[in-house]
Amino acid sequence: MPEVLLLNPPPIASERYLKELGAGGEAHVDAVYPPLKLAYVAALLRENGIPIDLLDANALNMKLNEFKNYLSKKQFSLVILNTITCSYPSDLKTAHIIKEILPDCEIALFGQFATAKWDLIMKEDVIDYAIVGEAEMTCLELSKAVLGNRDFKNIRGLVWKKGSQIILNEPRELIQD
């Protein structure tokens, strides 16, 4: 059964990193912080019956060959990654690896860098979607669309591609407490 993978990628460009606290890319850290933003999305998707897998390959200090082996045994339709400015180069390398192993799998990026630089991100062939603003509801609706009706035009906070055209949908309202 096709699934959605919520991924904190393995450390490709450096040793472990802390996306939640803004340290990544070439920075080295000796601690690993849980990917809370991915956990929030995972909880919402699970509550709504979306089949998911949540992999914190960074915390597992997963090696590249282990990550590739993991991907080759799965059937993901969508991979969602949180990206920040300093981790984006590594996240982009991860996206290329995913597409090499799972060429039909679609990839979405969310987070502060995706919100600020969606136009740059969407120029990449391996990136199918950017999520602008708060990610939870947009990830839920995107997952339903990828696994179901493929209708993306009314998903607020989503940037997507229709052929060679990049489409920025209406902004998503903030989540109310």
N, C-alpha and C. Protein backbone atom coordinates (compact mmCIF):
# COMPACT_ATOMS: atom_id res chain seq x y z
N MET A 1 0.84 -1.18 0.00
CA MET A 1 0.00 0.00 0.00
C MET A 1 0.89 1.25 0.00
N PRO A 2 0.64 2.19 -0.92
CA PRO A 2 1.42 3.42 -0.95
C PRO A 2 1.29 4.19 0.37
N GLU A 3 2.38 4.79 0.76
CA GLU A 3 2.42 5.53 2.02
C GLU A 3 3.03 6.90 1.80
N VAL A 4 2.90 7.70 2.85
CA VAL A 4 3.55 8.99 2.92
C VAL A 4 4.70 8.84 3.91
N LEU A 5 5.88 9.28 3.51
CA LEU A 5 7.04 9.26 4.40
C LEU A 5 7.30 10.66 4.90
N LEU A 6 7.29 10.81 6.21
CA LEU A 6 7.71 12.06 6.85
C LEU A 6 9.15 11.82 7.26
N LEU A 7 10.06 12.60 6.68
CA LEU A 7 11.48 12.28 6.76
C LEU A 7 12.32 13.39 7.36
N ASN A 8 13.07 13.04 8.37
CA ASN A 8 14.20 13.85 8.81
C ASN A 8 15.41 13.13 8.23
N PRO A 9 16.00 13.66 7.15
CA PRO A 9 16.99 12.91 6.37
C PRO A 9 18.25 12.56 7.14
N PRO A 10 18.99 11.60 6.61
CA PRO A 10 20.28 11.27 7.23
C PRO A 10 21.26 12.42 7.01
N PRO A 11 22.25 12.54 7.87
CA PRO A 11 23.24 13.61 7.69
C PRO A 11 24.15 13.30 6.49
N ILE A 12 23.93 13.99 5.38
CA ILE A 12 24.69 13.75 4.16
C ILE A 12 25.88 14.71 4.07
N ALA A 13 25.62 15.99 4.27
CA ALA A 13 26.67 17.00 4.09
C ALA A 13 27.51 17.21 5.34
N SER A 14 27.05 16.70 6.47
CA SER A 14 27.77 16.91 7.72
C SER A 14 27.44 15.76 8.65
N GLU A 15 27.82 15.90 9.90
CA GLU A 15 27.36 14.95 10.89
C GLU A 15 25.96 15.38 11.31
N ARG A 16 25.46 14.88 12.40
CA ARG A 16 24.09 15.19 12.82
C ARG A 16 23.82 16.68 12.89
N TYR A 17 22.55 17.04 12.77
CA TYR A 17 22.17 18.45 12.78
C TYR A 17 20.88 18.64 13.56
N LEU A 18 20.59 19.91 13.86
CA LEU A 18 19.40 20.27 14.63
C LEU A 18 18.54 21.21 13.81
N LYS A 19 17.60 20.71 13.04
CA LYS A 19 16.74 21.59 12.26
C LYS A 19 15.82 22.42 13.15
N GLU A 20 15.35 21.82 14.21
CA GLU A 20 14.40 22.53 15.08
C GLU A 20 15.05 23.75 15.72
N LEU A 21 16.35 23.75 15.88
CA LEU A 21 17.04 24.87 16.52
C LEU A 21 17.86 25.69 15.53
N GLY A 22 17.81 25.33 14.26
CA GLY A 22 18.47 26.12 13.24
C GLY A 22 19.92 25.78 12.97
N ALA A 23 20.45 24.70 13.51
CA ALA A 23 21.83 24.31 13.22
C ALA A 23 21.82 23.16 12.24
N GLY A 24 22.52 23.30 11.15
CA GLY A 24 22.52 22.23 10.16
C GLY A 24 23.56 22.50 9.10
N GLY A 25 23.36 21.91 7.95
CA GLY A 25 24.31 22.11 6.86
C GLY A 25 25.68 21.59 7.25
N GLU A 26 26.67 22.45 7.25
CA GLU A 26 28.03 22.05 7.59
C GLU A 26 28.30 22.13 9.09
N ALA A 27 27.33 22.61 9.87
CA ALA A 27 27.52 22.73 11.31
C ALA A 27 27.50 21.35 11.96
N HIS A 28 28.33 21.16 12.95
CA HIS A 28 28.38 19.90 13.70
C HIS A 28 27.77 20.14 15.07
N VAL A 29 26.92 19.23 15.49
CA VAL A 29 26.34 19.31 16.83
C VAL A 29 26.47 17.95 17.49
N ASP A 30 26.52 17.96 18.79
CA ASP A 30 26.69 16.70 19.53
C ASP A 30 25.38 16.19 20.12
N ALA A 31 24.28 16.83 19.80
CA ALA A 31 22.98 16.42 20.32
C ALA A 31 22.01 16.28 19.16
N VAL A 32 20.96 15.53 19.39
CA VAL A 32 19.91 15.39 18.39
C VAL A 32 18.60 15.79 19.04
N TYR A 33 17.88 16.68 18.42
CA TYR A 33 16.61 17.18 18.93
C TYR A 33 15.49 16.55 18.11
N PRO A 34 14.43 16.09 18.71
CA PRO A 34 13.36 15.43 17.94
C PRO A 34 12.75 16.37 16.91
N PRO A 35 12.40 15.86 15.74
CA PRO A 35 11.79 16.69 14.69
C PRO A 35 10.31 16.95 15.01
N LEU A 36 10.05 17.89 15.91
CA LEU A 36 8.69 18.12 16.40
C LEU A 36 7.73 18.52 15.29
N LYS A 37 8.18 19.32 14.35
CA LYS A 37 7.28 19.74 13.27
C LYS A 37 6.80 18.54 12.46
N LEU A 38 7.71 17.61 12.18
CA LEU A 38 7.31 16.38 11.48
C LEU A 38 6.36 15.55 12.35
N ALA A 39 6.60 15.53 13.65
CA ALA A 39 5.74 14.77 14.57
C ALA A 39 4.33 15.35 14.59
N TYR A 40 4.20 16.68 14.55
CA TYR A 40 2.87 17.31 14.50
C TYR A 40 2.14 16.89 13.24
N VAL A 41 2.85 16.93 12.12
CA VAL A 41 2.24 16.52 10.84
C VAL A 41 1.87 15.04 10.89
N ALA A 42 2.76 14.21 11.43
CA ALA A 42 2.50 12.77 11.53
C ALA A 42 1.24 12.48 12.34
N ALA A 43 1.09 13.17 13.46
CA ALA A 43 -0.10 12.96 14.30
C ALA A 43 -1.38 13.31 13.55
N LEU A 44 -1.37 14.42 12.84
CA LEU A 44 -2.56 14.84 12.10
C LEU A 44 -2.88 13.86 10.97
N LEU A 45 -1.87 13.41 10.24
CA LEU A 45 -2.10 12.46 9.16
C LEU A 45 -2.62 11.14 9.70
N ARG A 46 -2.04 10.64 10.79
CA ARG A 46 -2.52 9.39 11.39
C ARG A 46 -3.96 9.51 11.85
N GLU A 47 -4.29 10.63 12.49
CA GLU A 47 -5.67 10.85 12.95
C GLU A 47 -6.67 10.82 11.80
N ASN A 48 -6.19 11.15 10.61
CA ASN A 48 -7.07 11.20 9.44
C ASN A 48 -6.92 9.99 8.53
N GLY A 49 -6.31 8.92 9.04
CA GLY A 49 -6.26 7.66 8.31
C GLY A 49 -5.28 7.61 7.16
N ILE A 50 -4.33 8.54 7.10
CA ILE A 50 -3.32 8.51 6.04
C ILE A 50 -2.23 7.53 6.46
N PRO A 51 -1.89 6.54 5.63
CA PRO A 51 -0.82 5.61 5.98
C PRO A 51 0.54 6.32 5.90
N ILE A 52 1.23 6.37 7.01
CA ILE A 52 2.49 7.10 7.06
C ILE A 52 3.61 6.25 7.64
N ASP A 53 4.81 6.72 7.38
CA ASP A 53 6.00 6.24 8.04
C ASP A 53 6.75 7.49 8.45
N LEU A 54 7.25 7.53 9.67
CA LEU A 54 8.03 8.66 10.17
C LEU A 54 9.43 8.15 10.44
N LEU A 55 10.40 8.69 9.71
CA LEU A 55 11.78 8.24 9.85
C LEU A 55 12.66 9.41 10.26
N ASP A 56 13.28 9.30 11.43
CA ASP A 56 14.27 10.27 11.87
C ASP A 56 15.65 9.64 11.62
N ALA A 57 16.07 9.68 10.37
CA ALA A 57 17.35 9.07 9.97
C ALA A 57 18.52 9.83 10.57
N ASN A 58 18.31 11.09 10.91
CA ASN A 58 19.35 11.88 11.55
C ASN A 58 19.63 11.35 12.96
N ALA A 59 18.58 11.14 13.74
CA ALA A 59 18.75 10.64 15.11
C ALA A 59 19.33 9.24 15.10
N LEU A 60 18.97 8.45 14.10
CA LEU A 60 19.49 7.09 13.99
C LEU A 60 20.93 7.06 13.45
N ASN A 61 21.41 8.25 13.04
CA ASN A 61 22.73 8.37 12.42
C ASN A 61 22.87 7.38 11.27
N MET A 62 21.79 7.27 10.51
CA MET A 62 21.70 6.33 9.40
C MET A 62 22.73 6.67 8.32
N LYS A 63 23.46 5.69 7.90
CA LYS A 63 24.43 5.87 6.82
C LYS A 63 23.69 5.89 5.48
N LEU A 64 24.33 6.46 4.48
CA LEU A 64 23.69 6.62 3.18
C LEU A 64 23.25 5.29 2.59
N ASN A 65 24.07 4.25 2.68
CA ASN A 65 23.67 2.94 2.13
C ASN A 65 22.49 2.35 2.90
N GLU A 66 22.41 2.60 4.20
CA GLU A 66 21.27 2.13 5.00
C GLU A 66 19.99 2.85 4.58
N PHE A 67 20.11 4.16 4.33
CA PHE A 67 18.97 4.95 3.90
C PHE A 67 18.47 4.48 2.52
N LYS A 68 19.39 4.24 1.60
CA LYS A 68 19.01 3.76 0.27
C LYS A 68 18.34 2.39 0.36
N ASN A 69 18.85 1.53 1.20
CA ASN A 69 18.26 0.21 1.40
C ASN A 69 16.84 0.33 1.97
N TYR A 70 16.66 1.21 2.93
CA TYR A 70 15.34 1.47 3.51
C TYR A 70 14.35 1.90 2.43
N LEU A 71 14.76 2.86 1.61
CA LEU A 71 13.88 3.36 0.54
C LEU A 71 13.52 2.27 -0.46
N SER A 72 14.48 1.43 -0.79
CA SER A 72 14.26 0.41 -1.82
C SER A 72 13.26 -0.66 -1.38
N LYS A 73 13.00 -0.75 -0.08
CA LYS A 73 12.06 -1.75 0.43
C LYS A 73 10.66 -1.18 0.63
N LYS A 74 10.45 0.08 0.29
CA LYS A 74 9.18 0.75 0.54
C LYS A 74 8.50 1.15 -0.76
N GLN A 75 7.26 1.59 -0.63
CA GLN A 75 6.48 2.03 -1.78
C GLN A 75 5.84 3.37 -1.45
N PHE A 76 6.66 4.41 -1.31
CA PHE A 76 6.15 5.72 -0.94
C PHE A 76 5.61 6.46 -2.17
N SER A 77 4.48 7.11 -1.98
CA SER A 77 3.92 7.97 -3.01
C SER A 77 4.37 9.42 -2.81
N LEU A 78 4.63 9.78 -1.55
CA LEU A 78 4.98 11.15 -1.20
C LEU A 78 5.97 11.13 -0.06
N VAL A 79 7.01 11.95 -0.17
CA VAL A 79 7.96 12.17 0.92
C VAL A 79 7.89 13.64 1.28
N ILE A 80 7.73 13.91 2.57
CA ILE A 80 7.65 15.28 3.08
C ILE A 80 8.84 15.53 3.99
N LEU A 81 9.58 16.61 3.71
CA LEU A 81 10.75 16.99 4.49
C LEU A 81 10.61 18.41 5.00
N ASN A 82 11.08 18.65 6.21
CA ASN A 82 11.21 19.99 6.75
C ASN A 82 12.59 20.49 6.33
N THR A 83 12.65 21.70 5.77
CA THR A 83 13.94 22.24 5.36
C THR A 83 14.16 23.62 5.95
N ILE A 84 15.39 23.88 6.30
CA ILE A 84 15.78 25.21 6.76
C ILE A 84 16.95 25.66 5.90
N THR A 85 17.32 26.92 6.01
CA THR A 85 18.33 27.49 5.13
C THR A 85 19.62 26.69 5.13
N CYS A 86 20.14 26.37 6.30
CA CYS A 86 21.44 25.71 6.34
C CYS A 86 21.37 24.22 5.99
N SER A 87 20.20 23.60 6.04
CA SER A 87 20.10 22.19 5.67
C SER A 87 19.64 21.99 4.23
N TYR A 88 19.22 23.06 3.55
CA TYR A 88 18.65 22.91 2.21
C TYR A 88 19.58 22.18 1.23
N PRO A 89 20.88 22.51 1.15
CA PRO A 89 21.73 21.77 0.21
C PRO A 89 21.73 20.25 0.48
N SER A 90 21.78 19.86 1.73
CA SER A 90 21.73 18.44 2.08
C SER A 90 20.36 17.85 1.77
N ASP A 91 19.30 18.61 2.06
CA ASP A 91 17.94 18.14 1.78
C ASP A 91 17.73 17.94 0.27
N LEU A 92 18.32 18.81 -0.52
CA LEU A 92 18.21 18.67 -1.98
C LEU A 92 18.94 17.42 -2.45
N LYS A 93 20.10 17.13 -1.88
CA LYS A 93 20.81 15.89 -2.20
C LYS A 93 19.96 14.68 -1.83
N THR A 94 19.29 14.76 -0.69
CA THR A 94 18.39 13.69 -0.26
C THR A 94 17.26 13.50 -1.28
N ALA A 95 16.69 14.60 -1.76
CA ALA A 95 15.62 14.52 -2.75
C ALA A 95 16.10 13.82 -4.02
N HIS A 96 17.32 14.10 -4.45
CA HIS A 96 17.88 13.42 -5.62
C HIS A 96 18.02 11.92 -5.38
N ILE A 97 18.45 11.55 -4.19
CA ILE A 97 18.59 10.13 -3.85
C ILE A 97 17.23 9.44 -3.87
N ILE A 98 16.23 10.10 -3.30
CA ILE A 98 14.87 9.54 -3.28
C ILE A 98 14.38 9.30 -4.71
N LYS A 99 14.57 10.29 -5.58
CA LYS A 99 14.09 10.16 -6.97
C LYS A 99 14.86 9.08 -7.75
N GLU A 100 16.13 8.87 -7.40
CA GLU A 100 16.90 7.81 -8.05
C GLU A 100 16.30 6.44 -7.71
N ILE A 101 15.91 6.26 -6.47
CA ILE A 101 15.42 4.96 -6.01
C ILE A 101 13.92 4.80 -6.25
N LEU A 102 13.18 5.89 -6.06
CA LEU A 102 11.72 5.87 -6.22
C LEU A 102 11.33 6.98 -7.21
N PRO A 103 11.54 6.76 -8.52
CA PRO A 103 11.34 7.84 -9.49
C PRO A 103 9.91 8.39 -9.56
N ASP A 104 8.92 7.59 -9.17
CA ASP A 104 7.54 8.07 -9.23
C ASP A 104 7.08 8.73 -7.93
N CYS A 105 7.91 8.68 -6.92
CA CYS A 105 7.58 9.29 -5.63
C CYS A 105 7.65 10.81 -5.76
N GLU A 106 6.69 11.50 -5.16
CA GLU A 106 6.68 12.95 -5.19
C GLU A 106 7.28 13.48 -3.89
N ILE A 107 7.88 14.67 -3.97
CA ILE A 107 8.59 15.23 -2.83
C ILE A 107 8.08 16.62 -2.53
N ALA A 108 7.80 16.86 -1.23
CA ALA A 108 7.34 18.16 -0.75
C ALA A 108 8.28 18.65 0.34
N LEU A 109 8.58 19.94 0.30
CA LEU A 109 9.38 20.58 1.33
C LEU A 109 8.53 21.61 2.06
N PHE A 110 8.68 21.66 3.38
CA PHE A 110 8.04 22.71 4.17
C PHE A 110 9.06 23.29 5.13
N GLY A 111 8.67 24.32 5.84
CA GLY A 111 9.55 24.95 6.82
C GLY A 111 9.88 26.38 6.43
N GLN A 112 10.73 26.98 7.24
CA GLN A 112 11.02 28.40 7.04
C GLN A 112 11.68 28.68 5.69
N PHE A 113 12.56 27.80 5.23
CA PHE A 113 13.20 28.04 3.94
C PHE A 113 12.21 27.86 2.79
N ALA A 114 11.36 26.85 2.88
CA ALA A 114 10.34 26.64 1.84
C ALA A 114 9.37 27.81 1.77
N THR A 115 9.05 28.38 2.92
CA THR A 115 8.15 29.54 2.96
C THR A 115 8.81 30.76 2.33
N ALA A 116 10.07 30.98 2.64
CA ALA A 116 10.76 32.18 2.15
C ALA A 116 11.26 32.04 0.71
N LYS A 117 11.65 30.84 0.31
CA LYS A 117 12.32 30.65 -0.98
C LYS A 117 11.63 29.61 -1.86
N TRP A 118 10.31 29.55 -1.81
CA TRP A 118 9.58 28.55 -2.60
C TRP A 118 9.89 28.68 -4.09
N ASP A 119 10.12 29.91 -4.56
CA ASP A 119 10.40 30.12 -5.98
C ASP A 119 11.73 29.47 -6.38
N LEU A 120 12.72 29.52 -5.53
CA LEU A 120 14.00 28.85 -5.78
C LEU A 120 13.84 27.34 -5.72
N ILE A 121 13.15 26.85 -4.72
CA ILE A 121 12.95 25.41 -4.51
C ILE A 121 12.22 24.78 -5.70
N MET A 122 11.20 25.46 -6.19
CA MET A 122 10.37 24.89 -7.24
C MET A 122 11.05 24.84 -8.60
N LYS A 123 12.20 25.47 -8.73
CA LYS A 123 12.97 25.36 -9.97
C LYS A 123 13.67 24.01 -10.08
N GLU A 124 13.77 23.30 -8.98
CA GLU A 124 14.44 22.00 -8.95
C GLU A 124 13.51 20.92 -9.51
N ASP A 125 14.00 20.13 -10.43
CA ASP A 125 13.20 19.07 -11.05
C ASP A 125 12.73 18.02 -10.05
N VAL A 126 13.53 17.77 -9.01
CA VAL A 126 13.21 16.70 -8.06
C VAL A 126 12.20 17.13 -7.00
N ILE A 127 11.88 18.42 -6.93
CA ILE A 127 10.92 18.91 -5.94
C ILE A 127 9.58 19.14 -6.63
N ASP A 128 8.54 18.52 -6.09
CA ASP A 128 7.21 18.62 -6.70
C ASP A 128 6.33 19.67 -6.02
N TYR A 129 6.55 19.89 -4.72
CA TYR A 129 5.69 20.80 -3.95
C TYR A 129 6.51 21.56 -2.92
N ALA A 130 6.09 22.80 -2.67
CA ALA A 130 6.60 23.57 -1.53
C ALA A 130 5.39 23.99 -0.72
N ILE A 131 5.53 23.93 0.58
CA ILE A 131 4.44 24.31 1.48
C ILE A 131 4.83 25.61 2.14
N VAL A 132 3.98 26.61 1.97
CA VAL A 132 4.24 27.96 2.46
C VAL A 132 3.41 28.19 3.71
N GLY A 133 4.08 28.60 4.78
CA GLY A 133 3.39 28.88 6.05
C GLY A 133 3.30 27.64 6.91
N GLU A 134 2.31 27.63 7.80
CA GLU A 134 2.13 26.49 8.70
C GLU A 134 1.76 25.25 7.90
N ALA A 135 2.45 24.16 8.18
CA ALA A 135 2.42 23.00 7.28
C ALA A 135 1.33 21.98 7.56
N GLU A 136 0.81 21.90 8.76
CA GLU A 136 0.00 20.75 9.15
C GLU A 136 -1.18 20.49 8.22
N MET A 137 -2.08 21.44 8.07
CA MET A 137 -3.28 21.22 7.25
C MET A 137 -2.94 21.08 5.77
N THR A 138 -1.94 21.82 5.32
CA THR A 138 -1.54 21.71 3.92
C THR A 138 -0.97 20.32 3.64
N CYS A 139 -0.16 19.79 4.57
CA CYS A 139 0.37 18.43 4.40
C CYS A 139 -0.75 17.40 4.38
N LEU A 140 -1.75 17.58 5.21
CA LEU A 140 -2.89 16.66 5.24
C LEU A 140 -3.62 16.68 3.89
N GLU A 141 -3.96 17.86 3.41
CA GLU A 141 -4.69 17.96 2.15
C GLU A 141 -3.83 17.50 0.97
N LEU A 142 -2.54 17.81 1.01
CA LEU A 142 -1.64 17.35 -0.06
C LEU A 142 -1.56 15.83 -0.06
N SER A 143 -1.42 15.22 1.10
CA SER A 143 -1.35 13.75 1.18
C SER A 143 -2.61 13.11 0.63
N LYS A 144 -3.77 13.64 0.98
CA LYS A 144 -5.03 13.12 0.46
C LYS A 144 -5.07 13.24 -1.07
N ALA A 145 -4.61 14.37 -1.59
CA ALA A 145 -4.64 14.59 -3.04
C ALA A 145 -3.67 13.65 -3.77
N VAL A 146 -2.47 13.49 -3.24
CA VAL A 146 -1.48 12.62 -3.88
C VAL A 146 -1.97 11.17 -3.86
N LEU A 147 -2.55 10.75 -2.75
CA LEU A 147 -3.03 9.36 -2.64
C LEU A 147 -4.40 9.16 -3.27
N GLY A 148 -5.07 10.26 -3.63
CA GLY A 148 -6.44 10.15 -4.11
C GLY A 148 -6.71 10.88 -5.41
N ASN A 149 -7.41 12.01 -5.30
CA ASN A 149 -8.01 12.66 -6.47
C ASN A 149 -7.06 13.53 -7.30
N ARG A 150 -5.84 13.78 -6.83
CA ARG A 150 -4.83 14.57 -7.56
C ARG A 150 -5.30 15.99 -7.87
N ASP A 151 -6.19 16.53 -7.06
CA ASP A 151 -6.68 17.90 -7.25
C ASP A 151 -5.94 18.81 -6.26
N PHE A 152 -5.04 19.63 -6.80
CA PHE A 152 -4.18 20.47 -5.96
C PHE A 152 -4.60 21.93 -5.94
N LYS A 153 -5.51 22.33 -6.81
CA LYS A 153 -5.77 23.76 -7.01
C LYS A 153 -6.40 24.47 -5.82
N ASN A 154 -7.06 23.75 -4.93
CA ASN A 154 -7.70 24.40 -3.78
C ASN A 154 -6.99 24.15 -2.46
N ILE A 155 -5.77 23.64 -2.51
CA ILE A 155 -5.01 23.39 -1.28
C ILE A 155 -4.28 24.68 -0.91
N ARG A 156 -4.77 25.33 0.11
CA ARG A 156 -4.16 26.60 0.54
C ARG A 156 -2.75 26.35 1.08
N GLY A 157 -1.85 27.29 0.77
CA GLY A 157 -0.48 27.20 1.25
C GLY A 157 0.40 26.29 0.42
N LEU A 158 -0.06 25.85 -0.74
CA LEU A 158 0.68 24.91 -1.58
C LEU A 158 1.21 25.60 -2.83
N VAL A 159 2.46 25.29 -3.15
CA VAL A 159 3.04 25.65 -4.44
C VAL A 159 3.26 24.32 -5.17
N TRP A 160 2.83 24.24 -6.42
CA TRP A 160 2.91 22.99 -7.15
C TRP A 160 3.16 23.25 -8.63
N LYS A 161 3.42 22.18 -9.34
CA LYS A 161 3.74 22.28 -10.76
C LYS A 161 2.62 21.64 -11.58
N LYS A 162 2.27 22.33 -12.64
CA LYS A 162 1.35 21.78 -13.64
C LYS A 162 2.10 21.88 -14.95
N GLY A 163 2.71 20.76 -15.34
CA GLY A 163 3.63 20.78 -16.48
C GLY A 163 4.85 21.59 -16.10
N SER A 164 5.16 22.61 -16.89
CA SER A 164 6.31 23.48 -16.58
C SER A 164 5.88 24.74 -15.81
N GLN A 165 4.59 24.87 -15.57
CA GLN A 165 4.07 26.04 -14.86
C GLN A 165 4.12 25.82 -13.34
N ILE A 166 4.60 26.82 -12.61
CA ILE A 166 4.62 26.78 -11.15
C ILE A 166 3.43 27.58 -10.65
N ILE A 167 2.61 26.96 -9.81
CA ILE A 167 1.38 27.58 -9.34
C ILE A 167 1.46 27.80 -7.83
N LEU A 168 1.24 29.04 -7.41
CA LEU A 168 1.17 29.40 -5.99
C LEU A 168 -0.29 29.56 -5.63
N ASN A 169 -0.80 28.65 -4.80
CA ASN A 169 -2.19 28.73 -4.37
C ASN A 169 -2.38 29.84 -3.34
N GLU A 170 -3.63 30.05 -2.98
CA GLU A 170 -3.97 31.05 -1.94
C GLU A 170 -3.24 30.70 -0.65
N PRO A 171 -2.89 31.69 0.17
CA PRO A 171 -2.21 31.40 1.43
C PRO A 171 -3.13 30.67 2.42
N ARG A 172 -2.52 29.89 3.28
CA ARG A 172 -3.24 29.18 4.33
C ARG A 172 -3.37 30.11 5.53
N GLU A 173 -4.57 30.14 6.12
CA GLU A 173 -4.77 30.92 7.33
C GLU A 173 -3.99 30.28 8.48
N LEU A 174 -3.62 31.09 9.45
CA LEU A 174 -2.89 30.57 10.61
C LEU A 174 -3.78 29.65 11.44
N ILE A 175 -3.17 28.65 12.07
CA ILE A 175 -3.90 27.75 12.95
C ILE A 175 -4.31 28.51 14.20
N GLN A 176 -5.57 28.39 14.57
CA GLN A 176 -6.06 29.05 15.77
C GLN A 176 -5.86 28.18 16.98
N ASP A 177 -5.49 28.76 18.11
CA ASP A 177 -5.33 27.98 19.35
C ASP A 177 -6.68 27.49 19.82
